[in-house]
Amino acid sequence: MTTAQSSSDPTNTSRSSSQYGGHARFTIELEFVQMLANPQYLQHLADKKLLENEEFIAYLEYLQYFREPRYLRYLQYPGPTLRALELLQEERFRKDILSPEVMGRLFQEGLEASNST
């Protein structure tokens, strides 16, 4: 791996990589992106108006790198996590997640996905 590759690789946890509160940026991003598989957390983000914030929406777009096979392998529940990332790109969904019916449907889909593995 070249120096340029290692500095742009989110999994690079060397001392020179970005540290936040003693944790590598990739570790924090991995933990956050996995939380998106929880419909209640998505509803919480919408309730706090974060899903209306353009910078936050751009951050969600940035997290799409978890779709790449070299990062996908780190996800504990890739199906629901990637589905949430996909849905969060849609403005309509970012508003609809406040609905208990939508949250319930996502919860059910997540259960079915975890039982099918």
PDB file of N, CA and C in Angstrom:
ATOM      1  N   MET A   1       0.854  -1.166   0.000  1.00  0.00           N
ATOM      2  CA  MET A   1       0.000   0.000   0.000  1.00  0.00           C
ATOM      3  C   MET A   1       0.901   1.230   0.000  1.00  0.00           C
ATOM      4  N   THR A   2       0.626   2.189  -0.881  1.00  0.00           N
ATOM      5  CA  THR A   2       1.437   3.391  -0.938  1.00  0.00           C
ATOM      6  C   THR A   2       1.046   4.343   0.170  1.00  0.00           C
ATOM      7  N   THR A   3       1.889   5.341   0.382  1.00  0.00           N
ATOM      8  CA  THR A   3       1.590   6.330   1.419  1.00  0.00           C
ATOM      9  C   THR A   3       0.292   7.048   1.116  1.00  0.00           C
ATOM     10  N   ALA A   4       0.053   7.373  -0.152  1.00  0.00           N
ATOM     11  CA  ALA A   4      -1.189   8.055  -0.530  1.00  0.00           C
ATOM     12  C   ALA A   4      -2.393   7.177  -0.242  1.00  0.00           C
ATOM     13  N   GLN A   5      -2.266   5.884  -0.528  1.00  0.00           N
ATOM     14  CA  GLN A   5      -3.377   4.976  -0.271  1.00  0.00           C
ATOM     15  C   GLN A   5      -3.645   4.844   1.220  1.00  0.00           C
ATOM     16  N   SER A   6      -2.585   4.713   1.999  1.00  0.00           N
ATOM     17  CA  SER A   6      -2.786   4.493   3.425  1.00  0.00           C
ATOM     18  C   SER A   6      -3.409   5.699   4.098  1.00  0.00           C
ATOM     19  N   SER A   7      -3.105   6.918   3.636  1.00  0.00           N
ATOM     20  CA  SER A   7      -3.682   8.097   4.273  1.00  0.00           C
ATOM     21  C   SER A   7      -5.138   8.293   3.896  1.00  0.00           C
ATOM     22  N   SER A   8      -5.573   7.765   2.741  1.00  0.00           N
ATOM     23  CA  SER A   8      -6.967   7.926   2.347  1.00  0.00           C
ATOM     24  C   SER A   8      -7.821   6.721   2.732  1.00  0.00           C
ATOM     25  N   ASP A   9      -7.216   5.690   3.243  1.00  0.00           N
ATOM     26  CA  ASP A   9      -7.936   4.483   3.644  1.00  0.00           C
ATOM     27  C   ASP A   9      -8.554   4.693   5.024  1.00  0.00           C
ATOM     28  N   PRO A  10      -9.901   4.702   5.130  1.00  0.00           N
ATOM     29  CA  PRO A  10     -10.541   4.939   6.422  1.00  0.00           C
ATOM     30  C   PRO A  10     -10.176   3.926   7.495  1.00  0.00           C
ATOM     31  N   THR A  11      -9.739   2.737   7.098  1.00  0.00           N
ATOM     32  CA  THR A  11      -9.399   1.726   8.103  1.00  0.00           C
ATOM     33  C   THR A  11      -7.993   1.911   8.656  1.00  0.00           C
ATOM     34  N   ASN A  12      -7.238   2.837   8.106  1.00  0.00           N
ATOM     35  CA  ASN A  12      -5.876   3.090   8.576  1.00  0.00           C
ATOM     36  C   ASN A  12      -5.944   3.636   9.995  1.00  0.00           C
ATOM     37  N   THR A  13      -5.501   2.855  10.945  1.00  0.00           N
ATOM     38  CA  THR A  13      -5.583   3.262  12.351  1.00  0.00           C
ATOM     39  C   THR A  13      -4.205   3.551  12.938  1.00  0.00           C
ATOM     40  N   SER A  14      -3.248   3.902  12.070  1.00  0.00           N
ATOM     41  CA  SER A  14      -1.917   4.226  12.581  1.00  0.00           C
ATOM     42  C   SER A  14      -1.978   5.494  13.427  1.00  0.00           C
ATOM     43  N   ARG A  15      -0.912   5.746  14.162  1.00  0.00           N
ATOM     44  CA  ARG A  15      -0.871   6.925  15.041  1.00  0.00           C
ATOM     45  C   ARG A  15      -1.093   8.209  14.251  1.00  0.00           C
ATOM     46  N   SER A  16      -0.717   8.236  12.975  1.00  0.00           N
ATOM     47  CA  SER A  16      -0.860   9.453  12.186  1.00  0.00           C
ATOM     48  C   SER A  16      -2.288   9.644  11.672  1.00  0.00           C
ATOM     49  N   SER A  17      -3.131   8.633  11.792  1.00  0.00           N
ATOM     50  CA  SER A  17      -4.507   8.790  11.325  1.00  0.00           C
ATOM     51  C   SER A  17      -5.285   9.665  12.292  1.00  0.00           C
ATOM     52  N   SER A  18      -6.388  10.207  11.830  1.00  0.00           N
ATOM     53  CA  SER A  18      -7.208  11.102  12.649  1.00  0.00           C
ATOM     54  C   SER A  18      -7.692  10.390  13.899  1.00  0.00           C
ATOM     55  N   GLN A  19      -7.505  11.035  15.024  1.00  0.00           N
ATOM     56  CA  GLN A  19      -7.947  10.489  16.307  1.00  0.00           C
ATOM     57  C   GLN A  19      -8.965  11.444  16.913  1.00  0.00           C
ATOM     58  N   TYR A  20     -10.036  10.899  17.419  1.00  0.00           N
ATOM     59  CA  TYR A  20     -11.094  11.673  18.054  1.00  0.00           C
ATOM     60  C   TYR A  20     -11.404  11.011  19.380  1.00  0.00           C
ATOM     61  N   GLY A  21     -11.092  11.682  20.452  1.00  0.00           N
ATOM     62  CA  GLY A  21     -11.322  11.098  21.767  1.00  0.00           C
ATOM     63  C   GLY A  21     -10.570   9.798  21.959  1.00  0.00           C
ATOM     64  N   GLY A  22      -9.416   9.667  21.307  1.00  0.00           N
ATOM     65  CA  GLY A  22      -8.612   8.462  21.444  1.00  0.00           C
ATOM     66  C   GLY A  22      -9.014   7.336  20.516  1.00  0.00           C
ATOM     67  N   HIS A  23      -9.991   7.568  19.644  1.00  0.00           N
ATOM     68  CA  HIS A  23     -10.455   6.529  18.717  1.00  0.00           C
ATOM     69  C   HIS A  23     -10.173   6.951  17.278  1.00  0.00           C
ATOM     70  N   ALA A  24      -9.843   5.981  16.439  1.00  0.00           N
ATOM     71  CA  ALA A  24      -9.614   6.253  15.029  1.00  0.00           C
ATOM     72  C   ALA A  24     -10.925   6.667  14.370  1.00  0.00           C
ATOM     73  N   ARG A  25     -10.805   7.554  13.403  1.00  0.00           N
ATOM     74  CA  ARG A  25     -11.990   8.039  12.692  1.00  0.00           C
ATOM     75  C   ARG A  25     -12.805   6.879  12.118  1.00  0.00           C
ATOM     76  N   PHE A  26     -12.127   5.900  11.524  1.00  0.00           N
ATOM     77  CA  PHE A  26     -12.850   4.767  10.947  1.00  0.00           C
ATOM     78  C   PHE A  26     -13.680   4.040  11.996  1.00  0.00           C
ATOM     79  N   THR A  27     -13.130   3.846  13.172  1.00  0.00           N
ATOM     80  CA  THR A  27     -13.852   3.156  14.246  1.00  0.00           C
ATOM     81  C   THR A  27     -15.120   3.915  14.616  1.00  0.00           C
ATOM     82  N   ILE A  28     -15.022   5.222  14.706  1.00  0.00           N
ATOM     83  CA  ILE A  28     -16.189   6.049  15.037  1.00  0.00           C
ATOM     84  C   ILE A  28     -17.216   5.984  13.917  1.00  0.00           C
ATOM     85  N   GLU A  29     -16.753   6.078  12.665  1.00  0.00           N
ATOM     86  CA  GLU A  29     -17.676   6.014  11.533  1.00  0.00           C
ATOM     87  C   GLU A  29     -18.348   4.650  11.438  1.00  0.00           C
ATOM     88  N   LEU A  30     -17.600   3.594  11.702  1.00  0.00           N
ATOM     89  CA  LEU A  30     -18.167   2.247  11.681  1.00  0.00           C
ATOM     90  C   LEU A  30     -19.254   2.109  12.738  1.00  0.00           C
ATOM     91  N   GLU A  31     -18.973   2.566  13.938  1.00  0.00           N
ATOM     92  CA  GLU A  31     -19.966   2.489  15.008  1.00  0.00           C
ATOM     93  C   GLU A  31     -21.213   3.298  14.650  1.00  0.00           C
ATOM     94  N   PHE A  32     -21.010   4.489  14.118  1.00  0.00           N
ATOM     95  CA  PHE A  32     -22.150   5.332  13.760  1.00  0.00           C
ATOM     96  C   PHE A  32     -22.982   4.705  12.645  1.00  0.00           C
ATOM     97  N   VAL A  33     -22.326   4.255  11.581  1.00  0.00           N
ATOM     98  CA  VAL A  33     -23.074   3.727  10.441  1.00  0.00           C
ATOM     99  C   VAL A  33     -23.868   2.485  10.845  1.00  0.00           C
ATOM    100  N   GLN A  34     -23.344   1.693  11.774  1.00  0.00           N
ATOM    101  CA  GLN A  34     -24.088   0.519  12.234  1.00  0.00           C
ATOM    102  C   GLN A  34     -25.306   0.914  13.064  1.00  0.00           C
ATOM    103  N   MET A  35     -25.233   2.046  13.727  1.00  0.00           N
ATOM    104  CA  MET A  35     -26.390   2.520  14.494  1.00  0.00           C
ATOM    105  C   MET A  35     -27.554   2.883  13.569  1.00  0.00           C
ATOM    106  N   LEU A  36     -27.253   3.181  12.308  1.00  0.00           N
ATOM    107  CA  LEU A  36     -28.305   3.539  11.357  1.00  0.00           C
ATOM    108  C   LEU A  36     -29.225   2.361  11.053  1.00  0.00           C
ATOM    109  N   ALA A  37     -28.812   1.153  11.375  1.00  0.00           N
ATOM    110  CA  ALA A  37     -29.663  -0.022  11.169  1.00  0.00           C
ATOM    111  C   ALA A  37     -30.808  -0.064  12.175  1.00  0.00           C
ATOM    112  N   ASN A  38     -30.756   0.780  13.199  1.00  0.00           N
ATOM    113  CA  ASN A  38     -31.790   0.826  14.238  1.00  0.00           C
ATOM    114  C   ASN A  38     -32.841   1.874  13.866  1.00  0.00           C
ATOM    115  N   PRO A  39     -34.053   1.468  13.503  1.00  0.00           N
ATOM    116  CA  PRO A  39     -35.095   2.429  13.121  1.00  0.00           C
ATOM    117  C   PRO A  39     -35.403   3.461  14.209  1.00  0.00           C
ATOM    118  N   GLN A  40     -35.284   3.065  15.466  1.00  0.00           N
ATOM    119  CA  GLN A  40     -35.533   4.028  16.545  1.00  0.00           C
ATOM    120  C   GLN A  40     -34.476   5.126  16.543  1.00  0.00           C
ATOM    121  N   TYR A  41     -33.256   4.772  16.200  1.00  0.00           N
ATOM    122  CA  TYR A  41     -32.200   5.778  16.120  1.00  0.00           C
ATOM    123  C   TYR A  41     -32.459   6.717  14.942  1.00  0.00           C
ATOM    124  N   LEU A  42     -32.917   6.169  13.824  1.00  0.00           N
ATOM    125  CA  LEU A  42     -33.253   7.010  12.673  1.00  0.00           C
ATOM    126  C   LEU A  42     -34.358   7.994  13.036  1.00  0.00           C
ATOM    127  N   GLN A  43     -35.345   7.505  13.767  1.00  0.00           N
ATOM    128  CA  GLN A  43     -36.435   8.373  14.197  1.00  0.00           C
ATOM    129  C   GLN A  43     -35.908   9.463  15.145  1.00  0.00           C
ATOM    130  N   HIS A  44     -34.983   9.096  16.004  1.00  0.00           N
ATOM    131  CA  HIS A  44     -34.362  10.070  16.914  1.00  0.00           C
ATOM    132  C   HIS A  44     -33.631  11.157  16.116  1.00  0.00           C
ATOM    133  N   LEU A  45     -32.873  10.760  15.095  1.00  0.00           N
ATOM    134  CA  LEU A  45     -32.166  11.732  14.264  1.00  0.00           C
ATOM    135  C   LEU A  45     -33.144  12.680  13.577  1.00  0.00           C
ATOM    136  N   ALA A  46     -34.254  12.132  13.096  1.00  0.00           N
ATOM    137  CA  ALA A  46     -35.268  12.965  12.445  1.00  0.00           C
ATOM    138  C   ALA A  46     -35.928  13.894  13.453  1.00  0.00           C
ATOM    139  N   ASP A  47     -36.217  13.380  14.622  1.00  0.00           N
ATOM    140  CA  ASP A  47     -36.854  14.175  15.673  1.00  0.00           C
ATOM    141  C   ASP A  47     -35.971  15.354  16.085  1.00  0.00           C
ATOM    142  N   LYS A  48     -34.668  15.148  16.088  1.00  0.00           N
ATOM    143  CA  LYS A  48     -33.712  16.210  16.454  1.00  0.00           C
ATOM    144  C   LYS A  48     -33.384  17.115  15.266  1.00  0.00           C
ATOM    145  N   LYS A  49     -34.059  16.891  14.129  1.00  0.00           N
ATOM    146  CA  LYS A  49     -33.905  17.708  12.913  1.00  0.00           C
ATOM    147  C   LYS A  49     -32.546  17.535  12.221  1.00  0.00           C
ATOM    148  N   LEU A  50     -31.788  16.528  12.605  1.00  0.00           N
ATOM    149  CA  LEU A  50     -30.499  16.302  11.947  1.00  0.00           C
ATOM    150  C   LEU A  50     -30.672  15.892  10.490  1.00  0.00           C
ATOM    151  N   LEU A  51     -31.772  15.215  10.181  1.00  0.00           N
ATOM    152  CA  LEU A  51     -31.989  14.756   8.813  1.00  0.00           C
ATOM    153  C   LEU A  51     -32.426  15.884   7.889  1.00  0.00           C
ATOM    154  N   GLU A  52     -32.527  17.092   8.430  1.00  0.00           N
ATOM    155  CA  GLU A  52     -32.815  18.281   7.624  1.00  0.00           C
ATOM    156  C   GLU A  52     -31.553  19.110   7.403  1.00  0.00           C
ATOM    157  N   ASN A  53     -30.478  18.765   8.079  1.00  0.00           N
ATOM    158  CA  ASN A  53     -29.229  19.516   8.038  1.00  0.00           C
ATOM    159  C   ASN A  53     -28.410  19.081   6.818  1.00  0.00           C
ATOM    160  N   GLU A  54     -28.102  20.025   5.931  1.00  0.00           N
ATOM    161  CA  GLU A  54     -27.384  19.703   4.689  1.00  0.00           C
ATOM    162  C   GLU A  54     -26.001  19.099   4.948  1.00  0.00           C
ATOM    163  N   GLU A  55     -25.314  19.569   5.970  1.00  0.00           N
ATOM    164  CA  GLU A  55     -23.995  19.008   6.284  1.00  0.00           C
ATOM    165  C   GLU A  55     -24.118  17.561   6.752  1.00  0.00           C
ATOM    166  N   PHE A  56     -25.142  17.276   7.524  1.00  0.00           N
ATOM    167  CA  PHE A  56     -25.356  15.910   7.994  1.00  0.00           C
ATOM    168  C   PHE A  56     -25.719  15.002   6.824  1.00  0.00           C
ATOM    169  N   ILE A  57     -26.538  15.502   5.913  1.00  0.00           N
ATOM    170  CA  ILE A  57     -26.917  14.726   4.724  1.00  0.00           C
ATOM    171  C   ILE A  57     -25.679  14.441   3.875  1.00  0.00           C
ATOM    172  N   ALA A  58     -24.789  15.419   3.760  1.00  0.00           N
ATOM    173  CA  ALA A  58     -23.537  15.211   3.020  1.00  0.00           C
ATOM    174  C   ALA A  58     -22.680  14.152   3.716  1.00  0.00           C
ATOM    175  N   TYR A  59     -22.679  14.153   5.039  1.00  0.00           N
ATOM    176  CA  TYR A  59     -21.927  13.142   5.791  1.00  0.00           C
ATOM    177  C   TYR A  59     -22.489  11.747   5.509  1.00  0.00           C
ATOM    178  N   LEU A  60     -23.808  11.632   5.444  1.00  0.00           N
ATOM    179  CA  LEU A  60     -24.428  10.344   5.127  1.00  0.00           C
ATOM    180  C   LEU A  60     -24.021   9.883   3.730  1.00  0.00           C
ATOM    181  N   GLU A  61     -23.905  10.821   2.802  1.00  0.00           N
ATOM    182  CA  GLU A  61     -23.450  10.489   1.451  1.00  0.00           C
ATOM    183  C   GLU A  61     -22.003   9.988   1.501  1.00  0.00           C
ATOM    184  N   TYR A  62     -21.177  10.645   2.275  1.00  0.00           N
ATOM    185  CA  TYR A  62     -19.780  10.240   2.437  1.00  0.00           C
ATOM    186  C   TYR A  62     -19.683   8.799   2.959  1.00  0.00           C
ATOM    187  N   LEU A  63     -20.581   8.426   3.861  1.00  0.00           N
ATOM    188  CA  LEU A  63     -20.542   7.094   4.466  1.00  0.00           C
ATOM    189  C   LEU A  63     -20.894   5.974   3.484  1.00  0.00           C
ATOM    190  N   GLN A  64     -21.258   6.329   2.271  1.00  0.00           N
ATOM    191  CA  GLN A  64     -21.560   5.317   1.260  1.00  0.00           C
ATOM    192  C   GLN A  64     -20.345   4.435   0.967  1.00  0.00           C
ATOM    193  N   TYR A  65     -19.159   4.853   1.388  1.00  0.00           N
ATOM    194  CA  TYR A  65     -17.980   4.019   1.143  1.00  0.00           C
ATOM    195  C   TYR A  65     -18.106   2.651   1.815  1.00  0.00           C
ATOM    196  N   PHE A  66     -19.005   2.526   2.782  1.00  0.00           N
ATOM    197  CA  PHE A  66     -19.200   1.224   3.431  1.00  0.00           C
ATOM    198  C   PHE A  66     -19.821   0.201   2.482  1.00  0.00           C
ATOM    199  N   ARG A  67     -20.289   0.626   1.319  1.00  0.00           N
ATOM    200  CA  ARG A  67     -20.827  -0.302   0.321  1.00  0.00           C
ATOM    201  C   ARG A  67     -19.703  -1.080  -0.378  1.00  0.00           C
ATOM    202  N   GLU A  68     -18.514  -0.528  -0.358  1.00  0.00           N
ATOM    203  CA  GLU A  68     -17.381  -1.182  -1.016  1.00  0.00           C
ATOM    204  C   GLU A  68     -17.016  -2.457  -0.254  1.00  0.00           C
ATOM    205  N   PRO A  69     -16.723  -3.539  -0.990  1.00  0.00           N
ATOM    206  CA  PRO A  69     -16.429  -4.820  -0.334  1.00  0.00           C
ATOM    207  C   PRO A  69     -15.355  -4.750   0.749  1.00  0.00           C
ATOM    208  N   ARG A  70     -14.335  -3.921   0.553  1.00  0.00           N
ATOM    209  CA  ARG A  70     -13.262  -3.879   1.559  1.00  0.00           C
ATOM    210  C   ARG A  70     -13.720  -3.256   2.873  1.00  0.00           C
ATOM    211  N   TYR A  71     -14.826  -2.505   2.876  1.00  0.00           N
ATOM    212  CA  TYR A  71     -15.369  -1.927   4.111  1.00  0.00           C
ATOM    213  C   TYR A  71     -16.627  -2.659   4.563  1.00  0.00           C
ATOM    214  N   LEU A  72     -17.343  -3.208   3.617  1.00  0.00           N
ATOM    215  CA  LEU A  72     -18.577  -3.943   3.900  1.00  0.00           C
ATOM    216  C   LEU A  72     -18.338  -5.063   4.905  1.00  0.00           C
ATOM    217  N   ARG A  73     -17.202  -5.680   4.833  1.00  0.00           N
ATOM    218  CA  ARG A  73     -16.896  -6.815   5.713  1.00  0.00           C
ATOM    219  C   ARG A  73     -16.848  -6.438   7.191  1.00  0.00           C
ATOM    220  N   TYR A  74     -16.745  -5.164   7.496  1.00  0.00           N
ATOM    221  CA  TYR A  74     -16.708  -4.728   8.894  1.00  0.00           C
ATOM    222  C   TYR A  74     -18.104  -4.566   9.501  1.00  0.00           C
ATOM    223  N   LEU A  75     -19.136  -4.540   8.663  1.00  0.00           N
ATOM    224  CA  LEU A  75     -20.499  -4.324   9.152  1.00  0.00           C
ATOM    225  C   LEU A  75     -21.068  -5.597   9.769  1.00  0.00           C
ATOM    226  N   GLN A  76     -21.616  -5.482  10.957  1.00  0.00           N
ATOM    227  CA  GLN A  76     -22.209  -6.634  11.633  1.00  0.00           C
ATOM    228  C   GLN A  76     -23.534  -7.028  10.981  1.00  0.00           C
ATOM    229  N   TYR A  77     -24.339  -6.045  10.601  1.00  0.00           N
ATOM    230  CA  TYR A  77     -25.626  -6.280   9.934  1.00  0.00           C
ATOM    231  C   TYR A  77     -25.639  -5.488   8.633  1.00  0.00           C
ATOM    232  N   PRO A  78     -24.954  -5.992   7.609  1.00  0.00           N
ATOM    233  CA  PRO A  78     -24.820  -5.205   6.382  1.00  0.00           C
ATOM    234  C   PRO A  78     -26.143  -4.899   5.683  1.00  0.00           C
ATOM    235  N   GLY A  79     -27.070  -5.840   5.662  1.00  0.00           N
ATOM    236  CA  GLY A  79     -28.340  -5.605   4.969  1.00  0.00           C
ATOM    237  C   GLY A  79     -29.088  -4.397   5.505  1.00  0.00           C
ATOM    238  N   PRO A  80     -29.486  -4.411   6.773  1.00  0.00           N
ATOM    239  CA  PRO A  80     -30.215  -3.265   7.328  1.00  0.00           C
ATOM    240  C   PRO A  80     -29.397  -1.971   7.346  1.00  0.00           C
ATOM    241  N   THR A  81     -28.097  -2.082   7.544  1.00  0.00           N
ATOM    242  CA  THR A  81     -27.253  -0.885   7.579  1.00  0.00           C
ATOM    243  C   THR A  81     -27.210  -0.217   6.215  1.00  0.00           C
ATOM    244  N   LEU A  82     -26.961  -0.998   5.176  1.00  0.00           N
ATOM    245  CA  LEU A  82     -26.890  -0.436   3.830  1.00  0.00           C
ATOM    246  C   LEU A  82     -28.251   0.034   3.347  1.00  0.00           C
ATOM    247  N   ARG A  83     -29.292  -0.659   3.755  1.00  0.00           N
ATOM    248  CA  ARG A  83     -30.653  -0.229   3.397  1.00  0.00           C
ATOM    249  C   ARG A  83     -30.941   1.141   4.009  1.00  0.00           C
ATOM    250  N   ALA A  84     -30.563   1.333   5.257  1.00  0.00           N
ATOM    251  CA  ALA A  84     -30.768   2.630   5.911  1.00  0.00           C
ATOM    252  C   ALA A  84     -29.967   3.719   5.206  1.00  0.00           C
ATOM    253  N   LEU A  85     -28.717   3.435   4.870  1.00  0.00           N
ATOM    254  CA  LEU A  85     -27.909   4.422   4.148  1.00  0.00           C
ATOM    255  C   LEU A  85     -28.560   4.799   2.824  1.00  0.00           C
ATOM    256  N   GLU A  86     -29.106   3.801   2.138  1.00  0.00           N
ATOM    257  CA  GLU A  86     -29.785   4.043   0.864  1.00  0.00           C
ATOM    258  C   GLU A  86     -31.022   4.913   1.073  1.00  0.00           C
ATOM    259  N   LEU A  87     -31.857   4.537   2.024  1.00  0.00           N
ATOM    260  CA  LEU A  87     -33.093   5.277   2.274  1.00  0.00           C
ATOM    261  C   LEU A  87     -32.828   6.705   2.731  1.00  0.00           C
ATOM    262  N   LEU A  88     -31.777   6.907   3.490  1.00  0.00           N
ATOM    263  CA  LEU A  88     -31.470   8.244   4.000  1.00  0.00           C
ATOM    264  C   LEU A  88     -31.040   9.211   2.904  1.00  0.00           C
ATOM    265  N   GLN A  89     -30.768   8.703   1.711  1.00  0.00           N
ATOM    266  CA  GLN A  89     -30.454   9.585   0.585  1.00  0.00           C
ATOM    267  C   GLN A  89     -31.724  10.206   0.000  1.00  0.00           C
ATOM    268  N   GLU A  90     -32.880   9.672   0.385  1.00  0.00           N
ATOM    269  CA  GLU A  90     -34.159  10.154  -0.142  1.00  0.00           C
ATOM    270  C   GLU A  90     -34.790  11.151   0.829  1.00  0.00           C
ATOM    271  N   GLU A  91     -35.072  12.349   0.314  1.00  0.00           N
ATOM    272  CA  GLU A  91     -35.669  13.387   1.158  1.00  0.00           C
ATOM    273  C   GLU A  91     -36.999  12.930   1.751  1.00  0.00           C
ATOM    274  N   ARG A  92     -37.782  12.258   0.950  1.00  0.00           N
ATOM    275  CA  ARG A  92     -39.097  11.795   1.425  1.00  0.00           C
ATOM    276  C   ARG A  92     -38.951  10.875   2.644  1.00  0.00           C
ATOM    277  N   PHE A  93     -38.017   9.935   2.564  1.00  0.00           N
ATOM    278  CA  PHE A  93     -37.804   9.017   3.687  1.00  0.00           C
ATOM    279  C   PHE A  93     -37.357   9.770   4.932  1.00  0.00           C
ATOM    280  N   ARG A  94     -36.487  10.751   4.764  1.00  0.00           N
ATOM    281  CA  ARG A  94     -35.991  11.508   5.921  1.00  0.00           C
ATOM    282  C   ARG A  94     -37.130  12.194   6.667  1.00  0.00           C
ATOM    283  N   LYS A  95     -38.215  12.473   5.974  1.00  0.00           N
ATOM    284  CA  LYS A  95     -39.400  13.045   6.630  1.00  0.00           C
ATOM    285  C   LYS A  95     -40.320  11.938   7.146  1.00  0.00           C
ATOM    286  N   ASP A  96     -40.485  10.890   6.355  1.00  0.00           N
ATOM    287  CA  ASP A  96     -41.420   9.810   6.693  1.00  0.00           C
ATOM    288  C   ASP A  96     -40.992   8.976   7.894  1.00  0.00           C
ATOM    289  N   ILE A  97     -39.704   8.976   8.225  1.00  0.00           N
ATOM    290  CA  ILE A  97     -39.233   8.134   9.330  1.00  0.00           C
ATOM    291  C   ILE A  97     -39.853   8.567  10.656  1.00  0.00           C
ATOM    292  N   LEU A  98     -40.396   9.758  10.722  1.00  0.00           N
ATOM    293  CA  LEU A  98     -41.072  10.202  11.948  1.00  0.00           C
ATOM    294  C   LEU A  98     -42.373   9.439  12.178  1.00  0.00           C
ATOM    295  N   SER A  99     -42.881   8.800  11.139  1.00  0.00           N
ATOM    296  CA  SER A  99     -44.118   8.032  11.245  1.00  0.00           C
ATOM    297  C   SER A  99     -43.860   6.699  11.948  1.00  0.00           C
ATOM    298  N   PRO A 100     -44.653   6.376  12.967  1.00  0.00           N
ATOM    299  CA  PRO A 100     -44.493   5.081  13.649  1.00  0.00           C
ATOM    300  C   PRO A 100     -44.663   3.894  12.694  1.00  0.00           C
ATOM    301  N   GLU A 101     -45.500   4.047  11.671  1.00  0.00           N
ATOM    302  CA  GLU A 101     -45.713   2.957  10.716  1.00  0.00           C
ATOM    303  C   GLU A 101     -44.440   2.672   9.918  1.00  0.00           C
ATOM    304  N   VAL A 102     -43.774   3.736   9.488  1.00  0.00           N
ATOM    305  CA  VAL A 102     -42.539   3.563   8.720  1.00  0.00           C
ATOM    306  C   VAL A 102     -41.465   2.938   9.608  1.00  0.00           C
ATOM    307  N   MET A 103     -41.339   3.432  10.823  1.00  0.00           N
ATOM    308  CA  MET A 103     -40.362   2.871  11.752  1.00  0.00           C
ATOM    309  C   MET A 103     -40.668   1.392  12.012  1.00  0.00           C
ATOM    310  N   GLY A 104     -41.935   1.058  12.210  1.00  0.00           N
ATOM    311  CA  GLY A 104     -42.324  -0.329  12.446  1.00  0.00           C
ATOM    312  C   GLY A 104     -42.000  -1.230  11.269  1.00  0.00           C
ATOM    313  N   ARG A 105     -42.231  -0.719  10.054  1.00  0.00           N
ATOM    314  CA  ARG A 105     -41.928  -1.501   8.853  1.00  0.00           C
ATOM    315  C   ARG A 105     -40.422  -1.773   8.756  1.00  0.00           C
ATOM    316  N   LEU A 106     -39.614  -0.754   9.031  1.00  0.00           N
ATOM    317  CA  LEU A 106     -38.159  -0.941   9.001  1.00  0.00           C
ATOM    318  C   LEU A 106     -37.704  -1.938  10.060  1.00  0.00           C
ATOM    319  N   PHE A 107     -38.291  -1.846  11.223  1.00  0.00           N
ATOM    320  CA  PHE A 107     -37.953  -2.768  12.304  1.00  0.00           C
ATOM    321  C   PHE A 107     -38.259  -4.201  11.880  1.00  0.00           C
ATOM    322  N   GLN A 108     -39.426  -4.407  11.271  1.00  0.00           N
ATOM    323  CA  GLN A 108     -39.827  -5.735  10.812  1.00  0.00           C
ATOM    324  C   GLN A 108     -38.888  -6.245   9.722  1.00  0.00           C
ATOM    325  N   GLU A 109     -38.528  -5.369   8.776  1.00  0.00           N
ATOM    326  CA  GLU A 109     -37.592  -5.758   7.716  1.00  0.00           C
ATOM    327  C   GLU A 109     -36.244  -6.174   8.306  1.00  0.00           C
ATOM    328  N   GLY A 110     -35.797  -5.448   9.322  1.00  0.00           N
ATOM    329  CA  GLY A 110     -34.530  -5.778   9.974  1.00  0.00           C
ATOM    330  C   GLY A 110     -34.578  -7.130  10.650  1.00  0.00           C
ATOM    331  N   LEU A 111     -35.702  -7.417  11.317  1.00  0.00           N
ATOM    332  CA  LEU A 111     -35.863  -8.728  11.962  1.00  0.00           C
ATOM    333  C   LEU A 111     -35.835  -9.849  10.937  1.00  0.00           C
ATOM    334  N   GLU A 112     -36.558  -9.647   9.846  1.00  0.00           N
ATOM    335  CA  GLU A 112     -36.597 -10.666   8.799  1.00  0.00           C
ATOM    336  C   GLU A 112     -35.214 -10.877   8.193  1.00  0.00           C
ATOM    337  N   ALA A 113     -34.482  -9.795   7.997  1.00  0.00           N
ATOM    338  CA  ALA A 113     -33.135  -9.906   7.425  1.00  0.00           C
ATOM    339  C   ALA A 113     -32.200 -10.647   8.370  1.00  0.00           C
ATOM    340  N   SER A 114     -32.309 -10.380   9.666  1.00  0.00           N
ATOM    341  CA  SER A 114     -31.415 -11.047  10.618  1.00  0.00           C
ATOM    342  C   SER A 114     -31.772 -12.518  10.791  1.00  0.00           C
ATOM    343  N   ASN A 115     -33.033 -12.867  10.613  1.00  0.00           N
ATOM    344  CA  ASN A 115     -33.450 -14.264  10.731  1.00  0.00           C
ATOM    345  C   ASN A 115     -33.116 -15.079   9.493  1.00  0.00           C
ATOM    346  N   SER A 116     -32.915 -14.400   8.358  1.00  0.00           N
ATOM    347  CA  SER A 116     -32.649 -15.128   7.122  1.00  0.00           C
ATOM    348  C   SER A 116     -31.168 -15.436   6.933  1.00  0.00           C
ATOM    349  N   THR A 117     -30.318 -14.956   7.836  1.00  0.00           N
ATOM    350  CA  THR A 117     -28.878 -15.214   7.680  1.00  0.00           C
ATOM    351  C   THR A 117     -28.449 -16.421   8.467  1.00  0.00           C
TER     352      THR A 117
END
